[in-house]
Amino acid sequence: MEFYYTMNRIYATNEAGDTIAEITFPPVDSTTVNIDHTFVDDSLRGQGVAGKLVQASAESLRRSGKKAVATCSYAQKWFEKHPEYSDVLARSRE
């Protein structure tokens, strides 16, 4: 499956051009984004596509030097299971 990268979005389409998987991460400020949405079409469920999307976004953010907060419940769980990407997460501003 090929992912397409645009500003604050990574996605995949089917032959008809319909989005079948995507992750969005709009900006919070100039150095931080919010991973707020992960979608995988029913036809792809159980194939690890959502995890690949979160990993792709984490790697993209790492390359760009940006940090992320994750309000998407799937992304939150993914980061908990993948501490090797903890450097991508923004530290709490408490």
Protein backbone atom coordinates (compact mmCIF):
# COMPACT_ATOMS: atom_id res chain seq x y z
CA MET A 1 0.00 0.00 0.00
CA GLU A 2 1.34 3.38 -0.98
CA PHE A 3 0.90 6.33 1.36
CA TYR A 4 0.63 9.88 0.08
CA TYR A 5 2.03 12.72 2.15
CA THR A 6 0.52 16.19 2.23
CA MET A 7 0.66 18.99 4.76
CA ASN A 8 -0.59 17.52 8.06
CA ARG A 9 -2.07 14.40 6.46
CA ILE A 10 -0.90 10.97 5.29
CA TYR A 11 -3.37 8.84 3.35
CA ALA A 12 -3.96 5.99 0.93
CA THR A 13 -6.56 5.67 -1.81
CA ASN A 14 -8.15 2.83 -3.73
CA GLU A 15 -8.28 2.50 -7.52
CA ALA A 16 -11.31 4.81 -7.65
CA GLY A 17 -9.42 7.54 -5.77
CA ASP A 18 -11.44 7.15 -2.57
CA THR A 19 -9.58 7.59 0.71
CA ILE A 20 -9.27 4.20 2.38
CA ALA A 21 -6.83 5.11 5.16
CA GLU A 22 -5.64 8.38 6.66
CA ILE A 23 -4.11 10.10 9.62
CA THR A 24 -4.37 13.82 10.23
CA PHE A 25 -2.21 16.02 12.40
CA PRO A 26 -3.14 19.72 12.22
CA PRO A 27 -0.81 22.30 13.76
CA VAL A 28 -1.14 23.37 17.38
CA ASP A 29 1.62 25.96 17.02
CA SER A 30 4.71 26.42 14.85
CA THR A 31 6.53 23.40 16.31
CA THR A 32 3.72 21.08 17.44
CA VAL A 33 0.91 19.15 15.75
CA ASN A 34 -2.07 17.25 17.12
CA ILE A 35 -2.49 13.68 15.87
CA ASP A 36 -6.26 13.89 16.04
CA HIS A 37 -7.68 11.33 13.63
CA THR A 38 -6.87 7.90 12.25
CA PHE A 39 -9.19 6.21 9.75
CA VAL A 40 -8.95 2.79 8.13
CA ASP A 41 -11.64 1.45 5.80
CA ASP A 42 -13.37 -1.74 6.93
CA SER A 43 -11.81 -3.60 3.99
CA LEU A 44 -8.34 -3.04 5.51
CA ARG A 45 -9.09 -3.72 9.16
CA GLY A 46 -6.82 -6.17 10.93
CA GLN A 47 -3.91 -5.62 8.54
CA GLY A 48 -1.91 -3.19 10.69
CA VAL A 49 -2.65 -0.21 8.46
CA ALA A 50 -3.49 2.16 11.33
CA GLY A 51 -0.20 1.36 13.02
CA LYS A 52 1.67 1.97 9.78
CA LEU A 53 -0.04 5.36 9.48
CA VAL A 54 0.94 6.41 13.00
CA GLN A 55 4.49 5.20 12.44
CA ALA A 56 4.70 7.10 9.14
CA SER A 57 3.48 10.27 10.82
CA ALA A 58 5.94 9.84 13.71
CA GLU A 59 8.84 9.35 11.29
CA SER A 60 7.74 12.34 9.20
CA LEU A 61 7.48 14.53 12.30
CA ARG A 62 10.86 13.32 13.53
CA ARG A 63 12.47 14.30 10.20
CA SER A 64 10.84 17.74 10.32
CA GLY A 65 11.83 18.36 13.93
CA LYS A 66 8.22 18.81 15.01
CA LYS A 67 6.58 17.35 18.09
CA ALA A 68 3.12 15.86 18.50
CA VAL A 69 0.35 15.64 21.01
CA ALA A 70 -2.02 12.77 20.39
CA THR A 71 -5.72 13.23 21.01
CA CYS A 72 -6.62 10.28 18.77
CA SER A 73 -7.16 7.31 21.09
CA TYR A 74 -5.52 4.88 18.64
CA ALA A 75 -2.41 7.08 18.35
CA GLN A 76 -2.20 7.40 22.15
CA LYS A 77 -2.19 3.61 22.53
CA TRP A 78 0.29 3.19 19.67
CA PHE A 79 2.79 5.58 21.29
CA GLU A 80 2.42 3.75 24.61
CA LYS A 81 3.36 0.50 22.84
CA HIS A 82 6.24 2.09 20.90
CA PRO A 83 8.47 3.97 23.36
CA GLU A 84 11.17 4.21 20.69
CA TYR A 85 9.10 7.07 19.25
CA SER A 86 8.64 8.93 22.57
CA ASP A 87 11.00 11.66 21.35
CA VAL A 88 8.28 12.73 18.90
CA LEU A 89 5.78 13.45 21.65
CA ALA A 90 5.58 16.97 23.04
CA ARG A 91 6.28 17.24 26.73
CA SER A 92 3.43 18.35 28.95
CA ARG A 93 3.32 22.09 29.56
CA GLU A 94 2.01 21.87 33.11
